[in-house]
Amino acid sequence: MEELDRALADITAIRSQLARGTEFRGYGPMTVAATGFVAVGAAGIQALWLPDPAGDLLDYVAIWVATAAISVLLIGIEMVARSRRIHSGLADAMIHAATEQFIPAGVAGALLTFVLFRFAPQSLWMLPGLWQIVFSLGIFASCRSLPRPMFAAGVWYLATGLASLAFANDAHAYSPWAMAVPYGVGQLFIAAVLYRSVGESRDVEA
């Protein structure tokens, strides 16, 4: 029995190692692009329904948390279906590896939002920039299993986040464009990288 358990543990370890060393192709370019439009749509909703976000920070945070949740749900649903189709037997290990890389950034972003909202509401103007920086860290952590140009997407989000912190103030930090432009452009860029990667993979297979 011990030998069987050891063999199963070795197989699991091998599968995990293969998953970490294989390019993850579970992210669909069209769905990722759609999340960019979701961000632009959220900015439109904010502009129409929340003309003074600084005076109603709870609604501001709610809009963008809901936007993030919708985007994660869309990407997650396709990621599972696409991984099972493309990675077949390694699908579960690949999904686990991909989420394991990004989850720390997501948790950090959620906790950061809670802490600022609960204990330092005067600093909430920094949230757009901090969200983008945290998102960039998630991308950097995932780069080892994604196409190489994805590093540039991480640089984009890091740069926009730092720019938001450097140039924003209480009057302009909550502008819908502070979120729509970074995430709209960034997600479309990621989608383009994924689309090109899919084409190159097909060429190699052919």
N, C-alpha and C. Protein backbone atom coordinates (compact mmCIF):
# COMPACT_ATOMS: atom_id res chain seq x y z
N MET A 1 0.82 -1.20 0.00
CA MET A 1 0.00 0.00 0.00
C MET A 1 0.86 1.26 0.00
N GLU A 2 1.95 1.23 0.79
CA GLU A 2 2.84 2.38 0.85
C GLU A 2 3.48 2.64 -0.51
N GLU A 3 3.85 1.55 -1.20
CA GLU A 3 4.46 1.72 -2.52
C GLU A 3 3.47 2.32 -3.51
N LEU A 4 2.22 1.89 -3.40
CA LEU A 4 1.18 2.43 -4.28
C LEU A 4 0.97 3.92 -4.01
N ASP A 5 0.91 4.29 -2.73
CA ASP A 5 0.74 5.70 -2.37
C ASP A 5 1.92 6.53 -2.86
N ARG A 6 3.13 5.95 -2.74
CA ARG A 6 4.32 6.66 -3.19
C ARG A 6 4.30 6.83 -4.71
N ALA A 7 3.86 5.79 -5.41
CA ALA A 7 3.79 5.87 -6.87
C ALA A 7 2.76 6.91 -7.31
N LEU A 8 1.62 6.94 -6.63
CA LEU A 8 0.59 7.93 -6.97
C LEU A 8 1.08 9.35 -6.68
N ALA A 9 1.82 9.50 -5.58
CA ALA A 9 2.38 10.81 -5.25
C ALA A 9 3.40 11.24 -6.29
N ASP A 10 4.21 10.30 -6.77
CA ASP A 10 5.19 10.61 -7.81
C ASP A 10 4.50 11.03 -9.11
N ILE A 11 3.43 10.32 -9.46
CA ILE A 11 2.68 10.66 -10.67
C ILE A 11 2.09 12.05 -10.56
N THR A 12 1.53 12.36 -9.40
CA THR A 12 0.96 13.69 -9.18
C THR A 12 2.02 14.77 -9.29
N ALA A 13 3.20 14.50 -8.73
CA ALA A 13 4.29 15.47 -8.79
C ALA A 13 4.76 15.68 -10.22
N ILE A 14 4.83 14.59 -10.99
CA ILE A 14 5.25 14.69 -12.39
C ILE A 14 4.24 15.49 -13.19
N ARG A 15 2.96 15.23 -12.98
CA ARG A 15 1.91 15.96 -13.69
C ARG A 15 1.96 17.45 -13.34
N SER A 16 2.20 17.73 -12.07
CA SER A 16 2.29 19.13 -11.64
C SER A 16 3.49 19.81 -12.29
N GLN A 17 4.62 19.10 -12.36
CA GLN A 17 5.82 19.67 -12.97
C GLN A 17 5.61 19.89 -14.46
N LEU A 18 4.95 18.95 -15.13
CA LEU A 18 4.65 19.12 -16.55
C LEU A 18 3.74 20.32 -16.78
N ALA A 19 2.76 20.48 -15.90
CA ALA A 19 1.82 21.60 -16.02
C ALA A 19 2.54 22.93 -15.86
N ARG A 20 3.48 23.00 -14.93
CA ARG A 20 4.20 24.25 -14.70
C ARG A 20 5.15 24.57 -15.83
N GLY A 21 5.61 23.55 -16.56
CA GLY A 21 6.55 23.79 -17.65
C GLY A 21 5.92 23.89 -19.02
N THR A 22 4.59 23.79 -19.08
CA THR A 22 3.88 23.84 -20.35
C THR A 22 3.15 25.17 -20.48
N GLU A 23 3.18 25.75 -21.67
CA GLU A 23 2.47 27.02 -21.88
C GLU A 23 0.97 26.81 -21.70
N PHE A 24 0.39 27.64 -20.86
CA PHE A 24 -1.04 27.52 -20.57
C PHE A 24 -1.84 28.21 -21.68
N ARG A 25 -2.76 27.45 -22.28
CA ARG A 25 -3.55 27.98 -23.40
C ARG A 25 -5.04 28.02 -23.07
N GLY A 26 -5.32 28.11 -21.78
CA GLY A 26 -6.71 28.12 -21.34
C GLY A 26 -7.40 29.46 -21.43
N TYR A 27 -6.62 30.54 -21.60
CA TYR A 27 -7.23 31.86 -21.71
C TYR A 27 -7.63 32.11 -23.17
N GLY A 28 -8.90 32.39 -23.40
CA GLY A 28 -9.38 32.65 -24.75
C GLY A 28 -9.25 34.11 -25.11
N PRO A 29 -8.66 34.44 -26.25
CA PRO A 29 -8.46 35.85 -26.61
C PRO A 29 -9.74 36.65 -26.72
N MET A 30 -10.80 36.05 -27.24
CA MET A 30 -12.05 36.78 -27.41
C MET A 30 -12.67 37.14 -26.05
N THR A 31 -12.61 36.21 -25.12
CA THR A 31 -13.16 36.48 -23.79
C THR A 31 -12.35 37.53 -23.06
N VAL A 32 -11.03 37.46 -23.18
CA VAL A 32 -10.18 38.46 -22.55
C VAL A 32 -10.46 39.84 -23.15
N ALA A 33 -10.61 39.89 -24.47
CA ALA A 33 -10.95 41.16 -25.12
C ALA A 33 -12.30 41.67 -24.61
N ALA A 34 -13.24 40.76 -24.40
CA ALA A 34 -14.57 41.15 -23.91
C ALA A 34 -14.46 41.81 -22.54
N THR A 35 -13.53 41.35 -21.71
CA THR A 35 -13.39 41.96 -20.38
C THR A 35 -12.89 43.40 -20.49
N GLY A 36 -12.13 43.70 -21.54
CA GLY A 36 -11.73 45.08 -21.77
C GLY A 36 -12.94 45.96 -22.05
N PHE A 37 -13.88 45.44 -22.85
CA PHE A 37 -15.10 46.19 -23.13
C PHE A 37 -16.00 46.26 -21.90
N VAL A 38 -15.94 45.24 -21.05
CA VAL A 38 -16.69 45.29 -19.80
C VAL A 38 -16.19 46.45 -18.94
N ALA A 39 -14.86 46.64 -18.90
CA ALA A 39 -14.29 47.76 -18.14
C ALA A 39 -14.73 49.10 -18.70
N VAL A 40 -14.74 49.21 -20.03
CA VAL A 40 -15.20 50.46 -20.66
C VAL A 40 -16.68 50.68 -20.36
N GLY A 41 -17.47 49.61 -20.41
CA GLY A 41 -18.88 49.71 -20.07
C GLY A 41 -19.10 50.16 -18.64
N ALA A 42 -18.28 49.62 -17.71
CA ALA A 42 -18.38 50.02 -16.30
C ALA A 42 -18.05 51.50 -16.14
N ALA A 43 -17.07 51.96 -16.91
CA ALA A 43 -16.74 53.39 -16.86
C ALA A 43 -17.91 54.24 -17.35
N GLY A 44 -18.60 53.76 -18.38
CA GLY A 44 -19.78 54.47 -18.86
C GLY A 44 -20.87 54.51 -17.81
N ILE A 45 -21.08 53.40 -17.13
CA ILE A 45 -22.08 53.35 -16.06
C ILE A 45 -21.71 54.33 -14.95
N GLN A 46 -20.43 54.35 -14.59
CA GLN A 46 -20.00 55.28 -13.55
C GLN A 46 -20.23 56.72 -13.98
N ALA A 47 -19.89 57.05 -15.23
CA ALA A 47 -20.06 58.42 -15.71
C ALA A 47 -21.52 58.86 -15.69
N LEU A 48 -22.43 57.93 -16.01
CA LEU A 48 -23.86 58.26 -16.08
C LEU A 48 -24.52 58.27 -14.71
N TRP A 49 -24.22 57.29 -13.90
CA TRP A 49 -24.94 57.10 -12.64
C TRP A 49 -24.22 57.63 -11.41
N LEU A 50 -22.93 57.92 -11.56
CA LEU A 50 -22.16 58.35 -10.40
C LEU A 50 -21.30 59.57 -10.77
N PRO A 51 -21.95 60.71 -10.98
CA PRO A 51 -21.19 61.90 -11.39
C PRO A 51 -20.23 62.42 -10.33
N ASP A 52 -20.48 62.06 -9.05
CA ASP A 52 -19.60 62.51 -7.97
C ASP A 52 -19.14 61.29 -7.16
N PRO A 53 -18.24 60.48 -7.74
CA PRO A 53 -17.81 59.26 -7.05
C PRO A 53 -17.10 59.54 -5.72
N ALA A 54 -16.41 60.68 -5.63
CA ALA A 54 -15.71 61.00 -4.38
C ALA A 54 -16.70 61.17 -3.23
N GLY A 55 -17.94 61.52 -3.56
CA GLY A 55 -18.95 61.68 -2.52
C GLY A 55 -19.72 60.41 -2.22
N ASP A 56 -19.51 59.38 -3.00
CA ASP A 56 -20.20 58.11 -2.79
C ASP A 56 -19.24 56.97 -3.10
N LEU A 57 -18.25 56.81 -2.24
CA LEU A 57 -17.17 55.86 -2.49
C LEU A 57 -17.63 54.41 -2.45
N LEU A 58 -18.67 54.15 -1.67
CA LEU A 58 -19.17 52.78 -1.60
C LEU A 58 -19.69 52.33 -2.96
N ASP A 59 -20.45 53.17 -3.64
CA ASP A 59 -20.96 52.83 -4.97
C ASP A 59 -19.82 52.72 -5.98
N TYR A 60 -18.82 53.61 -5.85
CA TYR A 60 -17.67 53.56 -6.76
C TYR A 60 -16.95 52.21 -6.65
N VAL A 61 -16.65 51.82 -5.40
CA VAL A 61 -15.97 50.55 -5.19
C VAL A 61 -16.85 49.39 -5.66
N ALA A 62 -18.15 49.49 -5.40
CA ALA A 62 -19.07 48.42 -5.78
C ALA A 62 -19.08 48.22 -7.30
N ILE A 63 -19.06 49.32 -8.06
CA ILE A 63 -19.07 49.22 -9.53
C ILE A 63 -17.86 48.44 -10.01
N TRP A 64 -16.70 48.78 -9.47
CA TRP A 64 -15.47 48.18 -10.00
C TRP A 64 -15.20 46.80 -9.43
N VAL A 65 -15.68 46.53 -8.22
CA VAL A 65 -15.59 45.17 -7.70
C VAL A 65 -16.50 44.25 -8.50
N ALA A 66 -17.70 44.73 -8.82
CA ALA A 66 -18.62 43.93 -9.64
C ALA A 66 -18.03 43.70 -11.03
N THR A 67 -17.38 44.71 -11.59
CA THR A 67 -16.74 44.58 -12.90
C THR A 67 -15.66 43.51 -12.86
N ALA A 68 -14.84 43.53 -11.81
CA ALA A 68 -13.79 42.52 -11.66
C ALA A 68 -14.39 41.13 -11.51
N ALA A 69 -15.47 41.02 -10.74
CA ALA A 69 -16.10 39.72 -10.52
C ALA A 69 -16.67 39.16 -11.83
N ILE A 70 -17.31 40.02 -12.62
CA ILE A 70 -17.85 39.58 -13.91
C ILE A 70 -16.73 39.11 -14.83
N SER A 71 -15.63 39.86 -14.86
CA SER A 71 -14.50 39.50 -15.72
C SER A 71 -13.88 38.17 -15.30
N VAL A 72 -13.70 37.99 -14.00
CA VAL A 72 -13.14 36.74 -13.49
C VAL A 72 -14.06 35.57 -13.83
N LEU A 73 -15.37 35.79 -13.70
CA LEU A 73 -16.33 34.72 -14.00
C LEU A 73 -16.28 34.33 -15.47
N LEU A 74 -16.26 35.33 -16.36
CA LEU A 74 -16.20 35.05 -17.80
C LEU A 74 -14.94 34.29 -18.17
N ILE A 75 -13.81 34.79 -17.67
CA ILE A 75 -12.52 34.15 -18.00
C ILE A 75 -12.45 32.76 -17.38
N GLY A 76 -12.95 32.62 -16.14
CA GLY A 76 -12.89 31.33 -15.46
C GLY A 76 -13.70 30.26 -16.15
N ILE A 77 -14.91 30.61 -16.58
CA ILE A 77 -15.76 29.63 -17.27
C ILE A 77 -15.08 29.14 -18.54
N GLU A 78 -14.56 30.08 -19.34
CA GLU A 78 -13.92 29.65 -20.58
C GLU A 78 -12.61 28.92 -20.31
N MET A 79 -11.90 29.35 -19.27
CA MET A 79 -10.63 28.73 -18.96
C MET A 79 -10.80 27.23 -18.68
N VAL A 80 -11.83 26.90 -17.91
CA VAL A 80 -12.08 25.49 -17.59
C VAL A 80 -12.43 24.71 -18.84
N ALA A 81 -13.38 25.24 -19.62
CA ALA A 81 -13.82 24.53 -20.83
C ALA A 81 -12.70 24.42 -21.86
N ARG A 82 -11.97 25.49 -22.04
CA ARG A 82 -10.90 25.51 -23.05
C ARG A 82 -9.74 24.60 -22.63
N SER A 83 -9.41 24.61 -21.34
CA SER A 83 -8.31 23.78 -20.85
C SER A 83 -8.63 22.30 -21.02
N ARG A 84 -9.86 21.92 -20.74
CA ARG A 84 -10.23 20.51 -20.88
C ARG A 84 -10.20 20.08 -22.34
N ARG A 85 -10.42 21.02 -23.23
CA ARG A 85 -10.38 20.69 -24.66
C ARG A 85 -8.95 20.64 -25.19
N ILE A 86 -8.12 21.58 -24.75
CA ILE A 86 -6.76 21.70 -25.30
C ILE A 86 -5.74 20.87 -24.53
N HIS A 87 -5.80 20.91 -23.20
CA HIS A 87 -4.80 20.24 -22.39
C HIS A 87 -5.21 18.84 -21.96
N SER A 88 -6.42 18.47 -22.25
CA SER A 88 -6.97 17.13 -21.98
C SER A 88 -6.56 16.60 -20.60
N GLY A 89 -5.71 15.59 -20.56
CA GLY A 89 -5.37 14.93 -19.31
C GLY A 89 -4.67 15.82 -18.30
N LEU A 90 -4.00 16.87 -18.78
CA LEU A 90 -3.30 17.78 -17.88
C LEU A 90 -4.16 18.98 -17.48
N ALA A 91 -5.41 19.00 -17.90
CA ALA A 91 -6.27 20.17 -17.71
C ALA A 91 -6.34 20.62 -16.25
N ASP A 92 -6.65 19.69 -15.36
CA ASP A 92 -6.82 20.06 -13.95
C ASP A 92 -5.53 20.62 -13.37
N ALA A 93 -4.41 19.98 -13.68
CA ALA A 93 -3.12 20.45 -13.18
C ALA A 93 -2.77 21.82 -13.77
N MET A 94 -3.10 22.02 -15.05
CA MET A 94 -2.81 23.30 -15.70
C MET A 94 -3.66 24.41 -15.10
N ILE A 95 -4.93 24.14 -14.87
CA ILE A 95 -5.82 25.13 -14.27
C ILE A 95 -5.35 25.48 -12.87
N HIS A 96 -4.97 24.45 -12.10
CA HIS A 96 -4.49 24.68 -10.74
C HIS A 96 -3.23 25.54 -10.75
N ALA A 97 -2.31 25.24 -11.66
CA ALA A 97 -1.07 26.01 -11.73
C ALA A 97 -1.34 27.46 -12.12
N ALA A 98 -2.25 27.66 -13.09
CA ALA A 98 -2.55 29.02 -13.56
C ALA A 98 -3.21 29.85 -12.46
N THR A 99 -4.18 29.27 -11.78
CA THR A 99 -4.87 30.02 -10.73
C THR A 99 -3.96 30.24 -9.52
N GLU A 100 -3.11 29.27 -9.25
CA GLU A 100 -2.18 29.39 -8.13
C GLU A 100 -1.24 30.59 -8.32
N GLN A 101 -0.89 30.87 -9.56
CA GLN A 101 0.01 31.98 -9.85
C GLN A 101 -0.67 33.34 -9.67
N PHE A 102 -1.97 33.40 -9.98
CA PHE A 102 -2.66 34.69 -9.97
C PHE A 102 -3.42 34.97 -8.68
N ILE A 103 -3.81 33.93 -7.97
CA ILE A 103 -4.64 34.12 -6.78
C ILE A 103 -4.01 35.04 -5.73
N PRO A 104 -2.70 34.94 -5.43
CA PRO A 104 -2.14 35.84 -4.41
C PRO A 104 -2.37 37.32 -4.74
N ALA A 105 -2.23 37.69 -6.01
CA ALA A 105 -2.46 39.08 -6.39
C ALA A 105 -3.93 39.46 -6.19
N GLY A 106 -4.84 38.54 -6.56
CA GLY A 106 -6.26 38.81 -6.38
C GLY A 106 -6.63 38.99 -4.92
N VAL A 107 -6.12 38.12 -4.07
CA VAL A 107 -6.40 38.20 -2.64
C VAL A 107 -5.81 39.50 -2.07
N ALA A 108 -4.59 39.83 -2.49
CA ALA A 108 -3.96 41.07 -2.01
C ALA A 108 -4.78 42.29 -2.42
N GLY A 109 -5.29 42.30 -3.66
CA GLY A 109 -6.11 43.42 -4.11
C GLY A 109 -7.39 43.54 -3.32
N ALA A 110 -8.04 42.42 -3.02
CA ALA A 110 -9.28 42.43 -2.26
C ALA A 110 -9.03 42.92 -0.83
N LEU A 111 -7.98 42.42 -0.19
CA LEU A 111 -7.67 42.83 1.18
C LEU A 111 -7.26 44.30 1.24
N LEU A 112 -6.50 44.74 0.23
CA LEU A 112 -6.08 46.14 0.18
C LEU A 112 -7.30 47.06 0.08
N THR A 113 -8.26 46.67 -0.75
CA THR A 113 -9.48 47.46 -0.89
C THR A 113 -10.24 47.53 0.44
N PHE A 114 -10.37 46.40 1.11
CA PHE A 114 -11.09 46.35 2.38
C PHE A 114 -10.40 47.22 3.43
N VAL A 115 -9.09 47.09 3.55
CA VAL A 115 -8.35 47.81 4.58
C VAL A 115 -8.44 49.31 4.36
N LEU A 116 -8.26 49.77 3.11
CA LEU A 116 -8.34 51.21 2.84
C LEU A 116 -9.75 51.72 3.10
N PHE A 117 -10.75 50.96 2.64
CA PHE A 117 -12.13 51.41 2.82
C PHE A 117 -12.51 51.45 4.29
N ARG A 118 -12.03 50.49 5.05
CA ARG A 118 -12.42 50.39 6.47
C ARG A 118 -11.60 51.30 7.37
N PHE A 119 -10.28 51.41 7.12
CA PHE A 119 -9.42 52.11 8.07
C PHE A 119 -8.78 53.39 7.53
N ALA A 120 -8.76 53.57 6.21
CA ALA A 120 -8.11 54.77 5.66
C ALA A 120 -8.89 55.30 4.46
N PRO A 121 -10.16 55.66 4.65
CA PRO A 121 -10.97 56.13 3.52
C PRO A 121 -10.41 57.37 2.84
N GLN A 122 -9.61 58.15 3.56
CA GLN A 122 -9.00 59.33 2.96
C GLN A 122 -7.96 58.96 1.90
N SER A 123 -7.54 57.70 1.89
CA SER A 123 -6.53 57.25 0.93
C SER A 123 -7.13 56.46 -0.23
N LEU A 124 -8.46 56.39 -0.32
CA LEU A 124 -9.10 55.59 -1.36
C LEU A 124 -8.83 56.11 -2.76
N TRP A 125 -8.40 57.37 -2.86
CA TRP A 125 -8.08 57.90 -4.19
C TRP A 125 -6.95 57.11 -4.85
N MET A 126 -6.18 56.38 -4.06
CA MET A 126 -5.07 55.59 -4.60
C MET A 126 -5.52 54.25 -5.19
N LEU A 127 -6.78 53.87 -4.96
CA LEU A 127 -7.22 52.53 -5.36
C LEU A 127 -7.03 52.22 -6.84
N PRO A 128 -7.43 53.10 -7.79
CA PRO A 128 -7.22 52.75 -9.20
C PRO A 128 -5.77 52.39 -9.51
N GLY A 129 -4.84 53.20 -9.02
CA GLY A 129 -3.43 52.90 -9.26
C GLY A 129 -2.98 51.63 -8.58
N LEU A 130 -3.42 51.43 -7.35
CA LEU A 130 -3.02 50.22 -6.62
C LEU A 130 -3.61 48.97 -7.26
N TRP A 131 -4.85 49.04 -7.71
CA TRP A 131 -5.46 47.90 -8.40
C TRP A 131 -4.64 47.51 -9.63
N GLN A 132 -4.22 48.51 -10.38
CA GLN A 132 -3.45 48.23 -11.60
C GLN A 132 -2.09 47.64 -11.27
N ILE A 133 -1.45 48.14 -10.23
CA ILE A 133 -0.15 47.60 -9.83
C ILE A 133 -0.29 46.15 -9.36
N VAL A 134 -1.31 45.88 -8.55
CA VAL A 134 -1.53 44.51 -8.08
C VAL A 134 -1.82 43.58 -9.26
N PHE A 135 -2.62 44.07 -10.21
CA PHE A 135 -2.92 43.26 -11.40
C PHE A 135 -1.65 42.98 -12.19
N SER A 136 -0.76 43.96 -12.28
CA SER A 136 0.51 43.75 -12.99
C SER A 136 1.33 42.67 -12.31
N LEU A 137 1.31 42.63 -10.99
CA LEU A 137 2.07 41.60 -10.27
C LEU A 137 1.51 40.21 -10.55
N GLY A 138 0.17 40.12 -10.69
CA GLY A 138 -0.43 38.85 -11.06
C GLY A 138 0.00 38.39 -12.44
N ILE A 139 0.10 39.34 -13.36
CA ILE A 139 0.55 39.01 -14.72
C ILE A 139 2.01 38.58 -14.70
N PHE A 140 2.85 39.31 -13.98
CA PHE A 140 4.26 38.94 -13.90
C PHE A 140 4.42 37.53 -13.32
N ALA A 141 3.61 37.21 -12.30
CA ALA A 141 3.70 35.89 -11.69
C ALA A 141 3.27 34.79 -12.65
N SER A 142 2.39 35.14 -13.60
CA SER A 142 1.87 34.14 -14.54
C SER A 142 2.70 34.03 -15.81
N CYS A 143 3.64 34.93 -16.00
CA CYS A 143 4.37 35.01 -17.28
C CYS A 143 5.09 33.72 -17.65
N ARG A 144 5.54 32.96 -16.66
CA ARG A 144 6.32 31.77 -16.97
C ARG A 144 5.52 30.72 -17.71
N SER A 145 4.19 30.78 -17.61
CA SER A 145 3.35 29.80 -18.31
C SER A 145 2.54 30.43 -19.43
N LEU A 146 2.87 31.67 -19.80
CA LEU A 146 2.16 32.38 -20.85
C LEU A 146 3.14 32.82 -21.94
N PRO A 147 2.64 33.25 -23.10
CA PRO A 147 3.55 33.71 -24.16
C PRO A 147 4.46 34.84 -23.67
N ARG A 148 5.66 34.88 -24.16
CA ARG A 148 6.65 35.85 -23.68
C ARG A 148 6.19 37.31 -23.77
N PRO A 149 5.50 37.72 -24.84
CA PRO A 149 5.07 39.13 -24.91
C PRO A 149 4.13 39.55 -23.80
N MET A 150 3.62 38.58 -23.04
CA MET A 150 2.71 38.93 -21.95
C MET A 150 3.41 39.77 -20.90
N PHE A 151 4.73 39.69 -20.85
CA PHE A 151 5.50 40.53 -19.92
C PHE A 151 5.22 42.00 -20.17
N ALA A 152 5.04 42.37 -21.45
CA ALA A 152 4.76 43.77 -21.79
C ALA A 152 3.43 44.22 -21.22
N ALA A 153 2.47 43.31 -21.13
CA ALA A 153 1.18 43.65 -20.53
C ALA A 153 1.36 43.97 -19.04
N GLY A 154 2.21 43.20 -18.37
CA GLY A 154 2.51 43.50 -16.98
C GLY A 154 3.16 44.86 -16.82
N VAL A 155 4.06 45.18 -17.74
CA VAL A 155 4.72 46.49 -17.71
C VAL A 155 3.69 47.60 -17.93
N TRP A 156 2.74 47.38 -18.85
CA TRP A 156 1.69 48.36 -19.11
C TRP A 156 0.89 48.67 -17.84
N TYR A 157 0.43 47.63 -17.17
CA TYR A 157 -0.37 47.85 -15.96
C TYR A 157 0.45 48.46 -14.83
N LEU A 158 1.70 48.08 -14.74
CA LEU A 158 2.57 48.68 -13.72
C LEU A 158 2.76 50.17 -14.01
N ALA A 159 3.00 50.51 -15.28
CA ALA A 159 3.21 51.91 -15.65
C ALA A 159 1.96 52.75 -15.44
N THR A 160 0.79 52.22 -15.85
CA THR A 160 -0.44 52.99 -15.66
C THR A 160 -0.78 53.15 -14.18
N GLY A 161 -0.50 52.11 -13.40
CA GLY A 161 -0.75 52.21 -11.96
C GLY A 161 0.12 53.26 -11.30
N LEU A 162 1.40 53.26 -11.64
CA LEU A 162 2.31 54.25 -11.08
C LEU A 162 1.94 55.65 -11.55
N ALA A 163 1.55 55.79 -12.82
CA ALA A 163 1.14 57.10 -13.34
C ALA A 163 -0.10 57.60 -12.62
N SER A 164 -1.03 56.67 -12.34
CA SER A 164 -2.24 57.06 -11.62
C SER A 164 -1.90 57.58 -10.23
N LEU A 165 -0.98 56.93 -9.56
CA LEU A 165 -0.59 57.38 -8.22
C LEU A 165 0.18 58.69 -8.28
N ALA A 166 0.96 58.87 -9.34
CA ALA A 166 1.81 60.05 -9.43
C ALA A 166 1.04 61.31 -9.80
N PHE A 167 0.06 61.17 -10.70
CA PHE A 167 -0.59 62.36 -11.25
C PHE A 167 -2.02 62.56 -10.79
N ALA A 168 -2.61 61.56 -10.16
CA ALA A 168 -3.99 61.72 -9.70
C ALA A 168 -4.04 62.50 -8.40
N ASN A 169 -5.20 63.06 -8.12
CA ASN A 169 -5.45 63.70 -6.84
C ASN A 169 -6.91 63.45 -6.47
N ASP A 170 -7.34 64.01 -5.39
CA ASP A 170 -8.70 63.73 -4.93
C ASP A 170 -9.77 64.10 -5.96
N ALA A 171 -9.48 65.09 -6.80
CA ALA A 171 -10.49 65.56 -7.75
C ALA A 171 -10.59 64.66 -8.97
N HIS A 172 -9.46 64.07 -9.40
CA HIS A 172 -9.44 63.33 -10.66
C HIS A 172 -9.19 61.83 -10.50
N ALA A 173 -8.85 61.39 -9.31
CA ALA A 173 -8.50 59.98 -9.12
C ALA A 173 -9.64 59.05 -9.45
N TYR A 174 -10.87 59.50 -9.23
CA TYR A 174 -12.03 58.64 -9.42
C TYR A 174 -12.64 58.77 -10.82
N SER A 175 -11.95 59.44 -11.71
CA SER A 175 -12.44 59.56 -13.08
C SER A 175 -12.63 58.17 -13.69
N PRO A 176 -13.74 57.94 -14.41
CA PRO A 176 -13.93 56.63 -15.04
C PRO A 176 -12.81 56.28 -16.02
N TRP A 177 -12.17 57.30 -16.58
CA TRP A 177 -11.08 57.05 -17.53
C TRP A 177 -9.85 56.47 -16.85
N ALA A 178 -9.71 56.72 -15.53
CA ALA A 178 -8.57 56.19 -14.79
C ALA A 178 -8.59 54.67 -14.74
N MET A 179 -9.76 54.08 -14.97
CA MET A 179 -9.88 52.63 -15.01
C MET A 179 -10.14 52.14 -16.44
N ALA A 180 -10.95 52.88 -17.20
CA ALA A 180 -11.33 52.43 -18.54
C ALA A 180 -10.15 52.34 -19.48
N VAL A 181 -9.28 53.34 -19.47
CA VAL A 181 -8.14 53.35 -20.40
C VAL A 181 -7.13 52.24 -20.07
N PRO A 182 -6.64 52.14 -18.82
CA PRO A 182 -5.68 51.08 -18.52
C PRO A 182 -6.22 49.68 -18.78
N TYR A 183 -7.43 49.40 -18.31
CA TYR A 183 -7.96 48.04 -18.47
C TYR A 183 -8.50 47.79 -19.87
N GLY A 184 -9.07 48.80 -20.50
CA GLY A 184 -9.54 48.62 -21.88
C GLY A 184 -8.39 48.30 -22.81
N VAL A 185 -7.36 49.14 -22.77
CA VAL A 185 -6.19 48.93 -23.63
C VAL A 185 -5.43 47.68 -23.21
N GLY A 186 -5.24 47.50 -21.91
CA GLY A 186 -4.45 46.36 -21.42
C GLY A 186 -5.06 45.02 -21.77
N GLN A 187 -6.36 44.89 -21.60
CA GLN A 187 -7.02 43.61 -21.91
C GLN A 187 -7.03 43.34 -23.41
N LEU A 188 -7.18 44.38 -24.21
CA LEU A 188 -7.13 44.18 -25.66
C LEU A 188 -5.72 43.76 -26.09
N PHE A 189 -4.71 44.32 -25.43
CA PHE A 189 -3.33 43.92 -25.74
C PHE A 189 -3.10 42.46 -25.37
N ILE A 190 -3.57 42.06 -24.19
CA ILE A 190 -3.43 40.66 -23.77
C ILE A 190 -4.14 39.74 -24.75
N ALA A 191 -5.34 40.15 -25.19
CA ALA A 191 -6.10 39.34 -26.15
C ALA A 191 -5.32 39.19 -27.45
N ALA A 192 -4.67 40.27 -27.90
CA ALA A 192 -3.88 40.22 -29.13
C ALA A 192 -2.70 39.26 -28.98
N VAL A 193 -2.05 39.27 -27.83
CA VAL A 193 -0.94 38.35 -27.57
C VAL A 193 -1.42 36.91 -27.60
N LEU A 194 -2.55 36.66 -26.95
CA LEU A 194 -3.10 35.30 -26.92
C LEU A 194 -3.52 34.85 -28.32
N TYR A 195 -4.12 35.75 -29.08
CA TYR A 195 -4.57 35.40 -30.44
C TYR A 195 -3.38 35.06 -31.32
N ARG A 196 -2.32 35.84 -31.20
CA ARG A 196 -1.13 35.56 -31.99
C ARG A 196 -0.50 34.24 -31.57
N SER A 197 -0.52 33.97 -30.27
CA SER A 197 0.03 32.71 -29.77
C SER A 197 -0.74 31.51 -30.30
N VAL A 198 -2.07 31.66 -30.37
CA VAL A 198 -2.90 30.57 -30.92
C VAL A 198 -2.54 30.32 -32.36
N GLY A 199 -2.35 31.39 -33.15
CA GLY A 199 -1.96 31.24 -34.55
C GLY A 199 -0.62 30.57 -34.72
N GLU A 200 0.35 30.95 -33.87
CA GLU A 200 1.68 30.34 -33.96
C GLU A 200 1.62 28.87 -33.58
N SER A 201 0.80 28.52 -32.61
CA SER A 201 0.68 27.12 -32.20
C SER A 201 0.09 26.29 -33.32
N ARG A 202 -0.88 26.85 -34.03
CA ARG A 202 -1.47 26.13 -35.15
C ARG A 202 -0.47 25.92 -36.27
N ASP A 203 0.37 26.94 -36.49
CA ASP A 203 1.39 26.83 -37.53
C ASP A 203 2.39 25.73 -37.20
N VAL A 204 2.76 25.66 -35.90
CA VAL A 204 3.71 24.62 -35.47
C VAL A 204 3.11 23.24 -35.64
N GLU A 205 1.82 23.11 -35.22
CA GLU A 205 1.16 21.81 -35.34
C GLU A 205 0.99 21.38 -36.78
N ALA A 206 0.77 22.38 -37.69
CA ALA A 206 0.63 22.06 -39.10
C ALA A 206 1.94 21.61 -39.69
